[in-house]
Protein backbone atom coordinates (compact mmCIF):
# COMPACT_ATOMS: atom_id res chain seq x y z
CA MET A 1 -0.13 -0.24 0.26
CA LEU A 2 1.22 3.49 -0.97
CA THR A 3 0.21 6.07 1.08
CA LYS A 4 1.17 10.01 2.11
CA MET A 5 2.76 10.53 5.39
CA ILE A 6 3.65 13.77 7.01
CA VAL A 7 7.30 14.50 7.62
CA SER A 8 9.43 16.66 9.75
CA SER A 9 9.67 20.05 8.27
CA GLY A 10 13.27 20.74 6.62
CA SER A 11 13.70 17.02 5.98
CA ASN A 12 12.03 17.24 2.38
CA PHE A 13 10.95 19.32 -0.15
CA SER A 14 7.48 18.96 0.88
CA SER A 15 5.18 18.31 4.16
CA THR A 16 4.36 14.85 3.04
CA ILE A 17 5.91 11.98 1.35
CA LEU A 18 4.89 8.81 -0.16
CA VAL A 19 5.85 6.01 1.12
CA ASN A 20 4.96 1.92 1.27
CA ALA A 21 2.98 1.41 4.41
CA GLY A 22 1.73 -2.04 4.55
CA ASP A 23 -0.07 -4.85 2.80
CA VAL A 24 -3.59 -4.60 1.14
CA ASP A 25 -6.15 -7.72 0.49
CA ASN A 26 -7.79 -6.59 -2.97
CA LYS A 27 -10.90 -8.87 -4.17
CA GLY A 28 -13.47 -8.27 -6.85
CA ILE A 29 -15.19 -9.61 -9.89
CA GLU A 30 -14.85 -7.96 -13.72
CA PHE A 31 -16.96 -8.26 -16.46
CA ARG A 32 -16.47 -7.48 -19.96
CA ALA A 33 -18.49 -8.15 -23.24
CA ASP A 34 -18.05 -6.73 -26.81
CA ALA A 35 -20.51 -7.67 -29.53
CA ASN A 36 -21.66 -7.24 -33.13
CA LEU A 37 -25.37 -7.08 -32.24
CA VAL A 38 -26.49 -6.56 -35.69
CA SER A 39 -24.57 -6.83 -38.97
CA GLU A 40 -26.78 -6.14 -42.09
CA LYS A 41 -26.61 -4.52 -44.98
CA ALA A 42 -28.38 -1.25 -44.14
CA PHE A 43 -27.92 -1.76 -40.42
CA GLU A 44 -25.01 -2.16 -38.08
CA TRP A 45 -24.84 -2.19 -34.21
CA ASP A 46 -21.60 -2.56 -32.15
CA ALA A 47 -21.46 -2.71 -28.46
CA ALA A 48 -19.30 -2.98 -25.54
CA LEU A 49 -19.69 -3.19 -21.70
CA HIS A 50 -17.34 -3.46 -18.63
CA CYS A 51 -17.78 -3.57 -15.17
CA THR A 52 -16.18 -4.40 -12.07
CA LEU A 53 -17.07 -4.97 -8.29
CA ARG A 54 -14.08 -4.80 -5.84
CA LYS A 55 -13.55 -4.41 -2.35
CA ASN A 56 -10.19 -3.90 -0.32
CA SER A 57 -8.92 -3.91 3.33
CA ILE A 58 -5.40 -3.13 4.90
CA LYS A 59 -4.11 -6.58 6.54
CA ASN A 60 -1.15 -4.63 8.34
CA LEU A 61 0.63 -1.70 8.48
CA GLY A 62 3.86 -2.86 9.95
CA SER A 63 4.81 -3.70 13.80
CA GLY A 64 3.66 -1.50 16.28
CA ILE A 65 1.80 0.92 13.76
CA ASP A 66 -1.96 1.28 14.94
CA PHE A 67 -3.05 3.61 12.31
CA ILE A 68 -1.56 6.49 9.76
CA SER A 69 -3.17 9.90 9.29
CA THR A 70 -3.07 10.81 5.71
CA GLY A 71 -5.41 12.81 3.19
CA PRO A 72 -3.82 16.31 3.22
CA VAL A 73 -6.84 18.83 2.34
CA THR A 74 -5.86 21.26 -0.39
CA LEU A 75 -4.37 24.63 0.84
CA LEU A 76 -4.36 23.15 4.33
CA PRO A 77 -1.53 20.52 4.37
CA TYR A 78 -2.02 20.25 8.30
CA ALA A 79 -5.32 18.80 8.00
CA GLN A 80 -5.28 15.40 7.49
CA VAL A 81 -8.92 13.90 6.88
CA GLN A 82 -8.15 9.91 6.20
CA VAL A 83 -6.78 7.39 7.90
CA GLN A 84 -5.14 4.06 7.03
CA ARG A 85 -5.90 1.31 10.02
CA THR A 86 -5.82 -2.42 9.89
CA GLY A 87 -9.00 -3.95 9.03
CA MET A 88 -10.51 -0.93 7.30
CA PRO A 89 -10.33 0.28 3.85
CA VAL A 90 -7.49 2.07 1.97
CA ASN A 91 -8.20 5.70 2.30
CA SER A 92 -11.10 5.58 4.52
CA PHE A 93 -12.08 9.24 5.83
CA TYR A 94 -11.42 10.17 9.50
CA LEU A 95 -13.80 12.91 10.44
CA LEU A 96 -15.87 14.10 13.22
CA LYS A 97 -19.73 13.24 12.85
CA GLN A 98 -21.80 16.63 12.66
CA VAL A 99 -24.83 17.06 14.68
CA TYR A 100 -27.61 18.94 12.90
CA ASP A 101 -30.64 21.01 14.13
CA GLY A 102 -34.37 20.33 13.55
CA GLU A 103 -34.33 21.88 9.95
CA GLY A 104 -31.63 19.86 8.83
CA LYS A 105 -28.75 22.13 8.96
CA PRO A 106 -25.17 21.93 10.85
CA ILE A 107 -24.59 23.05 14.01
CA GLN A 108 -21.08 24.99 13.85
CA GLY A 109 -18.55 23.27 16.68
CA LEU A 110 -21.07 20.44 17.56
CA TYR A 111 -20.18 16.69 17.16
CA GLU A 112 -21.35 13.17 18.49
CA ASP A 113 -19.61 11.72 21.28
CA CYS A 114 -18.61 8.68 19.10
CA ASN A 115 -16.21 7.42 22.06
CA LYS A 116 -18.60 7.86 24.60
CA ASN A 117 -16.62 9.33 27.15
CA GLY A 118 -18.88 12.27 27.89
CA VAL A 119 -16.54 14.99 26.05
CA PRO A 120 -17.15 15.51 22.34
CA ASP A 121 -13.78 16.58 20.88
CA PHE A 122 -11.05 15.61 18.25
CA ASP A 123 -10.82 12.24 19.85
CA ASP A 124 -14.41 11.40 18.46
CA ARG A 125 -13.05 11.18 14.90
CA TYR A 126 -14.67 7.65 13.28
CA PRO A 127 -13.60 5.87 10.61
CA GLY A 128 -16.01 6.22 7.65
CA PRO A 129 -16.51 5.39 4.34
CA SER A 130 -13.49 5.19 1.83
CA SER A 131 -12.69 7.41 -1.17
CA ASP A 132 -12.17 4.27 -3.74
CA PRO A 133 -15.18 3.37 -5.51
CA GLU A 134 -16.69 -0.10 -5.31
CA PHE A 135 -18.30 -0.12 -8.30
CA THR A 136 -17.02 0.73 -12.02
CA ALA A 137 -18.72 0.54 -15.41
CA GLY A 138 -18.51 1.73 -18.82
CA ILE A 139 -20.10 1.26 -22.34
CA TRP A 140 -19.85 2.30 -25.83
CA SER A 141 -22.09 1.57 -28.69
CA SER A 142 -22.00 2.40 -32.37
CA PHE A 143 -25.00 2.34 -34.93
CA ARG A 144 -24.66 2.75 -38.47
CA TYR A 145 -27.58 3.04 -41.00
CA ARG A 146 -27.03 3.59 -44.70
CA SER A 147 -24.85 6.50 -44.28
CA TRP A 148 -25.48 7.64 -40.98
CA GLU A 149 -23.60 6.88 -37.96
CA LEU A 150 -24.09 7.40 -34.40
CA SER A 151 -21.86 6.71 -31.63
CA PHE A 152 -21.65 7.31 -27.62
CA SER A 153 -19.63 6.18 -24.42
CA ALA A 154 -20.67 6.40 -20.95
CA SER A 155 -18.99 5.53 -17.65
CA SER A 156 -20.05 5.53 -13.72
CA LEU A 157 -18.59 5.16 -10.48
CA ALA A 158 -20.43 4.24 -7.21
CA GLY A 159 -19.37 3.64 -3.39
CA ASN A 160 -16.57 6.54 -3.79
CA TRP A 161 -16.91 9.44 -1.02
CA CYS A 162 -15.36 12.60 -1.65
CA TYR A 163 -14.00 15.46 0.65
CA ASN A 164 -15.42 18.81 -0.94
CA ALA A 165 -12.77 21.38 -0.19
CA GLU A 166 -15.00 24.14 -1.76
CA SER A 167 -17.53 23.50 1.07
CA VAL A 168 -14.23 23.83 3.88
CA PHE A 169 -13.75 27.12 2.23
CA GLY A 170 -17.33 28.09 1.70
CA ASN A 171 -17.64 30.12 4.97
CA TYR A 172 -18.36 33.43 6.13
CA GLY A 173 -15.09 34.25 7.54
CA ASN A 174 -13.21 33.89 4.32
CA MET A 175 -15.15 36.87 2.99
CA THR A 176 -12.59 39.14 4.53
CA PRO A 177 -9.15 37.65 5.10
CA ASN A 178 -6.75 40.19 6.51
CA GLY A 179 -9.24 43.06 5.46
CA VAL A 180 -10.00 42.56 1.90
CA LEU A 181 -13.10 41.13 0.46
CA ARG A 182 -13.03 38.39 -2.00
CA ASN A 183 -15.71 35.80 -3.24
CA ILE A 184 -16.65 32.73 -1.33
CA SER A 185 -18.43 29.70 -2.23
CA SER A 186 -22.23 29.65 -2.66
CA LEU A 187 -22.50 26.59 -0.57
CA VAL A 188 -21.83 28.48 2.56
CA TYR A 189 -25.69 29.08 2.14
CA GLU A 190 -26.56 25.71 3.02
CA SER A 191 -23.81 25.52 5.91
CA GLY A 192 -24.21 28.94 7.34
CA PHE A 193 -20.63 28.30 8.60
CA THR A 194 -18.58 31.29 9.95
CA SER A 195 -15.27 29.85 10.00
CA MET A 196 -13.37 26.50 8.79
CA VAL A 197 -14.09 23.34 10.35
CA PRO A 198 -12.29 20.89 8.10
CA TYR A 199 -12.86 17.48 10.53
CA SER A 200 -16.34 17.64 9.91
CA ASP A 201 -17.91 15.08 8.25
CA TYR A 202 -20.37 17.67 6.58
CA HIS A 203 -17.77 17.94 3.98
CA MET A 204 -17.74 14.17 2.78
CA GLU A 205 -19.99 13.62 0.16
CA ASN A 206 -21.09 10.69 -2.15
CA GLY A 207 -19.29 11.23 -5.02
CA SER A 208 -21.28 8.40 -7.45
CA PHE A 209 -22.19 10.10 -11.00
CA VAL A 210 -23.01 8.88 -14.32
CA ARG A 211 -21.43 10.63 -17.20
CA LEU A 212 -21.94 10.69 -21.17
CA ASP A 213 -18.57 10.81 -21.98
CA PHE A 214 -19.09 11.64 -25.52
CA VAL A 215 -21.68 11.50 -28.48
CA SER A 216 -20.85 11.68 -31.89
CA LEU A 217 -23.15 11.65 -35.14
CA GLY A 218 -21.87 11.80 -38.76
CA HIS A 219 -22.91 11.28 -42.26
CA THR A 220 -20.87 10.13 -45.37
CA PHE A 221 -21.86 12.03 -48.74
CA ARG A 222 -21.09 9.38 -51.41
CA ASN A 223 -21.66 9.20 -55.27
CA ILE A 224 -21.89 12.98 -55.69
CA PRO A 225 -22.83 13.76 -59.45
CA GLY A 226 -20.14 15.25 -61.49
CA LYS A 227 -17.43 14.81 -58.51
CA ASN A 228 -14.83 12.17 -57.93
CA PHE A 229 -14.84 12.37 -54.28
CA ASN A 230 -16.86 11.92 -51.15
CA PHE A 231 -16.79 13.23 -47.80
CA ARG A 232 -18.02 12.89 -44.29
CA LEU A 233 -19.53 15.56 -41.86
CA GLU A 234 -19.45 14.58 -37.98
CA ALA A 235 -20.54 16.70 -35.08
CA THR A 236 -18.70 15.56 -31.81
CA LEU A 237 -19.83 16.76 -28.00
CA GLN A 238 -17.02 15.72 -25.49
CA ASN A 239 -18.18 15.53 -21.70
CA ALA A 240 -21.76 15.95 -22.76
CA PHE A 241 -23.41 15.81 -19.27
CA ILE A 242 -23.09 14.09 -15.71
CA ILE A 243 -25.67 12.89 -13.05
CA THR A 244 -24.57 13.32 -9.67
CA GLY A 245 -25.47 14.45 -6.26
CA TYR A 246 -21.87 15.68 -5.17
CA ARG A 247 -21.97 19.53 -4.82
CA GLY A 248 -18.24 20.03 -5.53
CA GLY A 249 -16.45 20.61 -9.00
CA GLU A 250 -15.56 16.90 -9.96
CA PRO A 251 -16.55 13.77 -8.38
CA ASP A 252 -14.22 11.52 -10.50
CA ILE A 253 -11.06 12.58 -8.18
CA SER A 254 -8.16 10.68 -7.27
CA GLY A 255 -8.08 9.98 -3.73
CA GLY A 256 -11.30 11.73 -3.40
CA LEU A 257 -9.80 14.79 -2.31
CA ASP A 258 -11.62 17.49 -4.31
CA GLY A 259 -10.06 21.11 -4.41
CA TYR A 260 -9.82 24.20 -6.43
CA THR A 261 -9.05 22.50 -9.94
CA TRP A 262 -9.97 23.75 -13.39
CA PRO A 263 -13.35 22.08 -14.27
CA ARG A 264 -13.30 19.38 -17.02
CA PRO A 265 -14.22 21.41 -20.21
CA ARG A 266 -17.33 20.42 -22.29
CA THR A 267 -16.10 20.48 -26.04
CA ALA A 268 -18.02 20.38 -29.11
CA SER A 269 -16.32 20.36 -32.42
CA LEU A 270 -17.38 19.90 -36.31
CA ASN A 271 -15.33 17.78 -38.69
CA LEU A 272 -15.11 17.25 -42.36
CA ASN A 273 -13.23 14.62 -43.88
CA ILE A 274 -12.89 14.49 -47.79
CA GLY A 275 -11.92 11.09 -49.43
CA PHE A 276 -10.64 11.28 -53.05
């Protein structure tokens, strides 16, 4: 298992280092199918499907090591929001369980007493779900009818949890840092937080999604009267849409730690190919 660990200041070029920290047991099932479903002179249909179910757990972290804190938050490297612990999935979130009021809004600074010692404090963090997806799937299909062709590709992840850094920084206290007014995320309307609370599991969200990666429609013009060539016109849309309940910028993120990154673009293109 490879994971990031905090190192002493001045001992490395950054505050964390990637280390081989233990052994992991991985189990899963993978399925893939490719088929030519219809093959006629005027109509042809090809398709491919793949899906994977998987589960992992940490077998050991080395002698004398109970757990390893990891998962540095974007722009807050001191805040470690994940844990590697024996018997738990890799990259399990390690946060405080947020308490909510009667209207379903989080109560800032109030968390459940998970260890039942009568004092809600930092030691009440609990191992939560993992950022690693439990299910992945993808589908591709292509249809051809005479001179027309339609193709698309879609993908999906499920069981992957994300840490929404945009939600962390979306608090009223970040509006005027050092007396300078700046923009903050509109997610502040939902939380009402007045300062950063990076260890609240309020910022942990289910990142499951379905995405239409691309769709393409083309037509080939053949046997043009008086011409000795043909041409093909094709329109393509990449990253057409995504269906997800995640409120951050991108649920498909490595390690489950979202931050302020450039959003994945939606690109439309029109292509013309001429054959002589």
